[in-house]
């Protein structure tokens, strides 16, 4: 076992292989807010405000429920530069459900809420002979948040809200070790963890036609506990083997991975009762490098390289439910890679 462990360390250091940890931020947590181009922070007048701006549920009285499924189609393709062969992501159809509920007290300016949603997730699955199987074959990122929330209407035109986010994170990553197009070897990491975060927001209406909203959601730091599996069935290369064949190894492993914090600000303008025009600005921040190891001594370096990123969205709504929205995105969100 020690010989194999040392072999894997040398193998990984020599080939500097990279395994993609593909995950996506899932910002669309309500159909109504999505139809407005996510310009909902300064409106936040249904139960999904638990996600968009916790202070918004202070506008609700009695019981309020929202639920839905975010359907995602990922028709990603890759064309080999030399051969022209085209490969497609095998996980094209994916879904992320969300549920929100809120209850506003009739005699007190207090509203309680609970949300269950997936702020990040999804994955990819590629064929074995793409030529980049040592970078990644399959990835699945799961991030589920259970978010109890309370909001207080401090005065008729100002509210605040806060919530506790109980988060579950799991990662399943699979790649090749040295064989670029043959399925003779494999490396897999699986792990999961729980983390606790928080959210808060404020909603202010300085004028009957104008409202301002701001919301903050903390990032997540997971210490993923799980295992690694790796094997090589055929010596590589076959002529003068540098890496011998060895049976499957299954060892306990751990790795750290983080998801970014989010800050959102919005401005809503209602020129008439039938119109609501809102501008929203979001900032994501994450610049960390995480790592882990297994009992065989193999280092698994999760390097999450994300520049500060932001987007701006403008949404408008007519009372007849005719919706238009525009998205102005600045600097794509992130590049997440796991270096082995």
Protein backbone atom coordinates (compact mmCIF):
# COMPACT_ATOMS: atom_id res chain seq x y z
CA UNK A 1 0.00 0.00 0.00
CA UNK A 2 2.83 2.42 0.84
CA UNK A 3 4.46 1.70 -2.54
CA UNK A 4 1.25 2.51 -4.36
CA UNK A 5 0.79 5.66 -2.27
CA UNK A 6 4.28 6.90 -3.16
CA UNK A 7 3.66 5.96 -6.79
CA UNK A 8 0.49 8.05 -6.92
CA UNK A 9 2.27 11.06 -5.41
CA UNK A 10 5.02 10.83 -8.05
CA UNK A 11 2.49 10.21 -10.81
CA UNK A 12 0.37 13.22 -9.92
CA UNK A 13 3.36 15.51 -9.49
CA UNK A 14 4.92 14.38 -12.76
CA UNK A 15 1.84 14.83 -14.93
CA UNK A 16 0.37 17.89 -13.13
CA UNK A 17 -3.12 16.70 -13.97
CA UNK A 18 -6.20 18.82 -13.47
CA UNK A 19 -9.72 17.73 -12.71
CA UNK A 20 -12.49 20.21 -13.39
CA UNK A 21 -14.92 20.76 -10.52
CA UNK A 22 -17.81 22.04 -12.57
CA UNK A 23 -20.51 23.77 -10.59
CA UNK A 24 -22.85 26.60 -11.44
CA UNK A 25 -24.52 29.37 -9.50
CA UNK A 26 -28.30 28.97 -9.73
CA UNK A 27 -29.69 32.50 -9.33
CA UNK A 28 -33.21 31.79 -10.63
CA UNK A 29 -35.09 30.79 -7.48
CA UNK A 30 -38.55 32.09 -8.44
CA UNK A 31 -40.33 32.22 -11.80
CA UNK A 32 -41.76 35.69 -11.16
CA UNK A 33 -38.37 37.14 -10.18
CA UNK A 34 -36.69 35.42 -13.13
CA UNK A 35 -39.23 36.94 -15.53
CA UNK A 36 -38.13 40.33 -14.18
CA UNK A 37 -34.50 39.58 -15.01
CA UNK A 38 -33.86 38.89 -11.29
CA UNK A 39 -34.61 42.57 -10.60
CA UNK A 40 -36.49 41.75 -7.39
CA UNK A 41 -34.32 42.87 -4.46
CA UNK A 42 -36.17 46.17 -3.94
CA UNK A 43 -39.61 44.60 -4.60
CA UNK A 44 -39.39 41.21 -2.82
CA UNK A 45 -43.12 40.95 -2.21
CA UNK A 46 -43.65 37.18 -2.17
CA UNK A 47 -42.27 34.28 -0.12
CA UNK A 48 -39.21 33.86 -2.36
CA UNK A 49 -37.93 37.07 -0.74
CA UNK A 50 -36.34 34.65 1.74
CA UNK A 51 -33.71 34.19 -0.99
CA UNK A 52 -33.78 37.56 -2.76
CA UNK A 53 -34.12 39.90 0.25
CA UNK A 54 -35.17 38.56 3.68
CA UNK A 55 -36.63 41.93 4.67
CA UNK A 56 -39.22 41.61 1.91
CA UNK A 57 -41.33 39.00 3.69
CA UNK A 58 -42.32 41.74 6.19
CA UNK A 59 -44.82 42.83 3.51
CA UNK A 60 -46.71 39.54 3.81
CA UNK A 61 -49.57 38.74 6.18
CA UNK A 62 -50.94 35.31 6.94
CA UNK A 63 -49.70 32.24 5.10
CA UNK A 64 -47.78 32.53 1.83
CA UNK A 65 -46.18 29.71 -0.19
CA UNK A 66 -44.04 29.52 -3.33
CA UNK A 67 -42.60 26.39 -4.94
CA UNK A 68 -41.12 25.53 -8.29
CA UNK A 69 -38.55 23.59 -10.28
CA UNK A 70 -35.70 25.30 -12.10
CA UNK A 71 -35.25 23.26 -15.30
CA UNK A 72 -31.82 23.52 -16.89
CA UNK A 73 -30.67 22.44 -20.35
CA UNK A 74 -26.89 22.20 -20.83
CA UNK A 75 -26.14 21.30 -24.46
CA UNK A 76 -22.38 21.81 -24.12
CA UNK A 77 -20.15 20.54 -26.92
CA UNK A 78 -16.42 20.15 -27.48
CA UNK A 79 -14.68 19.85 -30.86
CA UNK A 80 -11.23 18.32 -31.02
CA UNK A 81 -8.94 20.79 -32.82
CA UNK A 82 -6.98 18.13 -34.75
CA UNK A 83 -9.65 15.61 -35.73
CA UNK A 84 -12.77 17.77 -35.78
CA UNK A 85 -14.67 15.17 -33.73
CA UNK A 86 -17.48 16.61 -31.63
CA UNK A 87 -18.40 15.48 -28.12
CA UNK A 88 -21.46 16.43 -26.11
CA UNK A 89 -22.15 16.72 -22.42
CA UNK A 90 -24.21 13.66 -21.45
CA UNK A 91 -25.96 15.50 -18.59
CA UNK A 92 -28.02 17.88 -20.69
CA UNK A 93 -31.23 17.90 -18.62
CA UNK A 94 -31.03 18.84 -14.95
CA UNK A 95 -33.35 20.38 -12.40
CA UNK A 96 -33.20 22.25 -9.09
CA UNK A 97 -36.39 22.55 -6.98
CA UNK A 98 -37.12 25.35 -4.53
CA UNK A 99 -39.74 25.83 -1.80
CA UNK A 100 -40.55 28.94 0.23
CA UNK A 101 -43.11 29.57 2.95
CA UNK A 102 -43.84 32.60 5.13
CA UNK A 103 -46.30 33.54 7.86
CA UNK A 104 -46.91 37.16 8.86
CA UNK A 105 -48.42 37.85 12.27
CA UNK A 106 -51.62 39.89 12.07
CA UNK A 107 -51.13 41.78 15.32
CA UNK A 108 -47.37 42.28 15.24
CA UNK A 109 -44.96 43.56 12.55
CA UNK A 110 -43.11 40.23 12.50
CA UNK A 111 -43.00 37.65 9.70
CA UNK A 112 -41.42 34.19 9.84
CA UNK A 113 -40.22 32.26 6.81
CA UNK A 114 -38.51 29.07 5.70
CA UNK A 115 -36.82 28.39 2.38
CA UNK A 116 -35.25 25.25 0.91
CA UNK A 117 -33.33 25.77 -2.32
CA UNK A 118 -30.12 25.01 -4.23
CA UNK A 119 -27.98 28.16 -4.76
CA UNK A 120 -25.24 26.15 -6.53
CA UNK A 121 -25.06 22.78 -8.21
CA UNK A 122 -25.30 20.74 -11.41
CA UNK A 123 -22.52 18.87 -13.18
CA UNK A 124 -21.11 17.49 -16.42
CA UNK A 125 -20.42 14.06 -17.89
CA UNK A 126 -18.09 13.58 -20.87
CA UNK A 127 -17.10 10.56 -22.94
CA UNK A 128 -13.85 8.70 -22.21
CA UNK A 129 -12.18 9.46 -25.56
CA UNK A 130 -12.44 13.25 -25.65
CA UNK A 131 -8.69 13.67 -25.18
CA UNK A 132 -9.11 15.58 -21.91
CA UNK A 133 -10.25 12.73 -19.66
CA UNK A 134 -7.26 13.45 -17.37
CA UNK A 135 -8.84 16.86 -16.80
CA UNK A 136 -12.27 15.50 -16.07
CA UNK A 137 -14.81 12.85 -17.04
CA UNK A 138 -17.66 13.53 -14.66
CA UNK A 139 -18.50 16.08 -12.00
CA UNK A 140 -21.49 16.65 -9.77
CA UNK A 141 -21.75 19.52 -7.30
CA UNK A 142 -24.64 19.61 -4.81
CA UNK A 143 -25.38 22.59 -2.57
CA UNK A 144 -28.68 22.70 -0.66
CA UNK A 145 -29.63 25.48 1.75
CA UNK A 146 -32.27 25.32 4.49
CA UNK A 147 -32.94 28.94 5.40
CA UNK A 148 -35.21 29.87 8.35
CA UNK A 149 -35.81 33.63 8.30
CA UNK A 150 -37.47 36.35 10.35
CA UNK A 151 -38.33 39.91 9.25
CA UNK A 152 -39.35 42.95 11.27
CA UNK A 153 -41.18 45.98 9.92
CA UNK A 154 -39.48 48.62 12.03
CA UNK A 155 -41.76 51.37 10.70
CA UNK A 156 -44.25 51.57 7.81
CA UNK A 157 -41.54 52.33 5.25
CA UNK A 158 -38.53 50.40 6.62
CA UNK A 159 -37.97 46.68 7.27
CA UNK A 160 -35.07 44.43 8.12
CA UNK A 161 -34.72 40.66 7.91
CA UNK A 162 -32.18 37.98 8.74
CA UNK A 163 -31.86 34.25 8.40
CA UNK A 164 -29.75 31.26 9.37
CA UNK A 165 -28.55 29.18 6.41
CA UNK A 166 -27.97 25.49 7.13
CA UNK A 167 -26.07 24.28 4.07
CA UNK A 168 -25.28 20.81 2.75
CA UNK A 169 -22.52 20.42 0.18
CA UNK A 170 -21.36 17.36 -1.76
CA UNK A 171 -18.88 16.81 -4.57
CA UNK A 172 -18.40 13.81 -6.86
CA UNK A 173 -15.45 14.17 -9.25
CA UNK A 174 -14.04 11.61 -11.66
CA UNK A 175 -11.12 11.80 -14.10
CA UNK A 176 -8.40 9.73 -15.68
CA UNK A 177 -4.87 9.52 -14.31
CA UNK A 178 -2.53 9.15 -17.31
CA UNK A 179 -4.40 7.58 -20.22
CA UNK A 180 -5.75 10.42 -22.41
CA UNK A 181 -8.41 8.51 -24.41
CA UNK A 182 -8.57 4.98 -22.97
CA UNK A 183 -10.53 3.94 -19.88
CA UNK A 184 -7.65 1.95 -18.38
CA UNK A 185 -7.40 4.09 -15.26
CA UNK A 186 -9.52 6.32 -13.05
CA UNK A 187 -9.38 8.73 -10.16
CA UNK A 188 -12.53 9.56 -8.16
CA UNK A 189 -13.19 11.77 -5.16
CA UNK A 190 -16.49 11.78 -3.27
CA UNK A 191 -17.15 13.83 -0.16
CA UNK A 192 -19.77 15.88 1.66
CA UNK A 193 -20.15 18.24 4.61
CA UNK A 194 -22.54 20.60 6.43
CA UNK A 195 -21.89 24.29 6.97
CA UNK A 196 -23.78 27.14 8.66
CA UNK A 197 -24.09 30.59 7.13
CA UNK A 198 -26.38 33.58 7.37
CA UNK A 199 -28.29 36.13 5.34
CA UNK A 200 -29.75 39.54 6.04
CA UNK A 201 -31.46 42.31 4.14
CA UNK A 202 -33.11 45.70 4.39
CA UNK A 203 -35.97 47.32 2.51
CA UNK A 204 -36.64 51.08 2.59
CA UNK A 205 -39.37 53.02 0.82
CA UNK A 206 -38.44 56.73 1.02
CA UNK A 207 -41.30 57.60 -1.34
CA UNK A 208 -44.48 55.81 -2.35
CA UNK A 209 -43.03 55.32 -5.85
CA UNK A 210 -39.47 54.43 -4.86
CA UNK A 211 -38.02 51.59 -2.80
CA UNK A 212 -34.44 50.54 -2.09
CA UNK A 213 -33.31 47.06 -1.13
CA UNK A 214 -30.04 45.45 -0.14
CA UNK A 215 -29.32 41.82 0.67
CA UNK A 216 -26.27 39.88 1.82
CA UNK A 217 -25.72 36.11 1.77
CA UNK A 218 -22.59 34.66 3.33
CA UNK A 219 -20.32 32.22 1.53
CA UNK A 220 -19.90 28.55 2.44
CA UNK A 221 -16.71 26.77 3.50
CA UNK A 222 -16.99 23.00 3.33
CA UNK A 223 -14.55 20.50 4.80
CA UNK A 224 -15.59 17.63 2.58
CA UNK A 225 -15.18 14.22 4.22
CA UNK A 226 -15.18 11.22 1.94
CA UNK A 227 -12.85 8.93 0.03
CA UNK A 228 -10.74 8.57 -3.08
CA UNK A 229 -10.59 5.63 -5.47
CA UNK A 230 -7.89 5.15 -8.08
CA UNK A 231 -6.55 2.35 -10.24
CA UNK A 232 -4.56 1.63 -13.40
CA UNK A 233 -5.21 -1.59 -15.33
CA UNK A 234 -2.51 -1.26 -18.02
CA UNK A 235 1.12 -0.09 -17.60
CA UNK A 236 1.70 3.36 -19.08
CA UNK A 237 3.21 3.74 -21.59
CA UNK A 238 3.12 0.17 -22.88
CA UNK A 239 6.59 0.21 -24.46
CA UNK A 240 8.64 1.51 -21.51
CA UNK A 241 6.20 1.72 -18.57
CA UNK A 242 6.68 4.64 -16.20
CA UNK A 243 3.46 3.87 -14.35
CA UNK A 244 2.81 0.18 -13.61
CA UNK A 245 -0.62 -1.37 -13.33
CA UNK A 246 -2.09 -1.50 -9.82
CA UNK A 247 -5.45 -2.55 -8.36
CA UNK A 248 -8.13 -0.20 -7.12
CA UNK A 249 -7.26 1.69 -3.97
CA UNK A 250 -10.00 2.97 -1.66
CA UNK A 251 -8.88 5.33 1.09
CA UNK A 252 -10.42 7.96 3.34
CA UNK A 253 -9.93 11.50 2.04
CA UNK A 254 -10.90 15.07 2.78
CA UNK A 255 -10.88 18.31 0.82
CA UNK A 256 -11.93 21.93 1.36
CA UNK A 257 -14.04 23.89 -1.09
CA UNK A 258 -15.76 27.27 -0.84
CA UNK A 259 -18.69 29.05 -2.45
CA UNK A 260 -18.72 32.87 -2.69
CA UNK A 261 -20.62 35.42 -0.69
CA UNK A 262 -23.17 37.57 -2.52
CA UNK A 263 -24.17 41.18 -2.04
CA UNK A 264 -27.13 42.58 -3.98
CA UNK A 265 -28.58 46.11 -4.13
CA UNK A 266 -31.72 47.14 -5.97
CA UNK A 267 -33.74 50.25 -6.80
CA UNK A 268 -37.44 50.01 -7.67
CA UNK A 269 -39.41 52.81 -9.30
CA UNK A 270 -43.19 52.68 -9.69
CA UNK A 271 -44.23 55.56 -11.98
CA UNK A 272 -47.82 54.25 -11.93
CA UNK A 273 -49.59 51.48 -10.00
CA UNK A 274 -49.35 49.31 -13.13
CA UNK A 275 -45.60 49.71 -13.64
CA UNK A 276 -42.64 48.57 -11.56
CA UNK A 277 -39.17 49.21 -12.97
CA UNK A 278 -36.27 47.81 -10.96
CA UNK A 279 -32.50 47.96 -11.37
CA UNK A 280 -30.36 45.43 -9.53
CA UNK A 281 -26.61 45.13 -9.01
CA UNK A 282 -24.95 41.98 -7.64
CA UNK A 283 -21.40 41.43 -6.43
CA UNK A 284 -19.76 38.02 -5.90
CA UNK A 285 -16.51 37.70 -4.04
CA UNK A 286 -14.22 34.69 -3.68
CA UNK A 287 -10.47 34.37 -3.94
CA UNK A 288 -9.33 31.27 -2.09
CA UNK A 289 -7.27 28.13 -2.57
CA UNK A 290 -8.41 25.00 -0.77
CA UNK A 291 -6.74 21.64 -0.45
CA UNK A 292 -7.03 18.22 1.13
CA UNK A 293 -5.41 14.83 1.27
CA UNK A 294 -6.11 11.16 1.68
CA UNK A 295 -4.58 8.48 3.87
CA UNK A 296 -2.27 7.35 1.07
CA UNK A 297 -0.68 10.80 1.05
CA UNK A 298 -2.18 12.03 -2.20
CA UNK A 299 -2.76 15.77 -2.14
CA UNK A 300 -5.99 16.98 -3.68
CA UNK A 301 -5.72 20.72 -4.28
CA UNK A 302 -8.99 22.51 -4.86
CA UNK A 303 -7.98 25.83 -6.38
CA UNK A 304 -11.01 28.04 -6.73
CA UNK A 305 -9.83 31.01 -8.77
CA UNK A 306 -12.62 33.55 -8.98
CA UNK A 307 -12.12 37.20 -9.66
CA UNK A 308 -14.59 39.61 -8.21
CA UNK A 309 -17.56 39.55 -10.54
CA UNK A 310 -20.78 41.40 -10.86
CA UNK A 311 -23.83 41.74 -13.01
CA UNK A 312 -26.54 44.31 -13.43
CA UNK A 313 -30.12 43.58 -14.38
CA UNK A 314 -33.06 45.71 -15.31
CA UNK A 315 -36.61 44.36 -15.08
CA UNK A 316 -40.01 45.88 -15.54
CA UNK A 317 -43.52 44.60 -14.92
CA UNK A 318 -46.96 45.54 -16.16
CA UNK A 319 -50.06 44.60 -14.22
CA UNK A 320 -51.13 42.51 -17.24
CA UNK A 321 -48.13 40.27 -16.55
CA UNK A 322 -46.34 41.38 -19.71
CA UNK A 323 -42.70 41.22 -18.73
CA UNK A 324 -39.46 42.44 -20.24
CA UNK A 325 -36.00 42.15 -18.81
CA UNK A 326 -32.45 42.93 -19.81
CA UNK A 327 -29.20 41.57 -18.46
CA UNK A 328 -25.86 43.35 -18.44
CA UNK A 329 -23.14 40.96 -17.25
CA UNK A 330 -19.62 42.01 -16.37
CA UNK A 331 -16.83 39.44 -15.96
CA UNK A 332 -18.03 35.86 -16.07
CA UNK A 333 -18.56 34.39 -12.66
CA UNK A 334 -15.71 31.99 -12.03
CA UNK A 335 -13.35 29.24 -13.02
CA UNK A 336 -13.28 26.34 -10.61
CA UNK A 337 -10.61 23.69 -10.99
CA UNK A 338 -9.25 20.89 -8.88
CA UNK A 339 -5.53 20.37 -9.37
CA UNK A 340 -4.20 16.92 -8.62
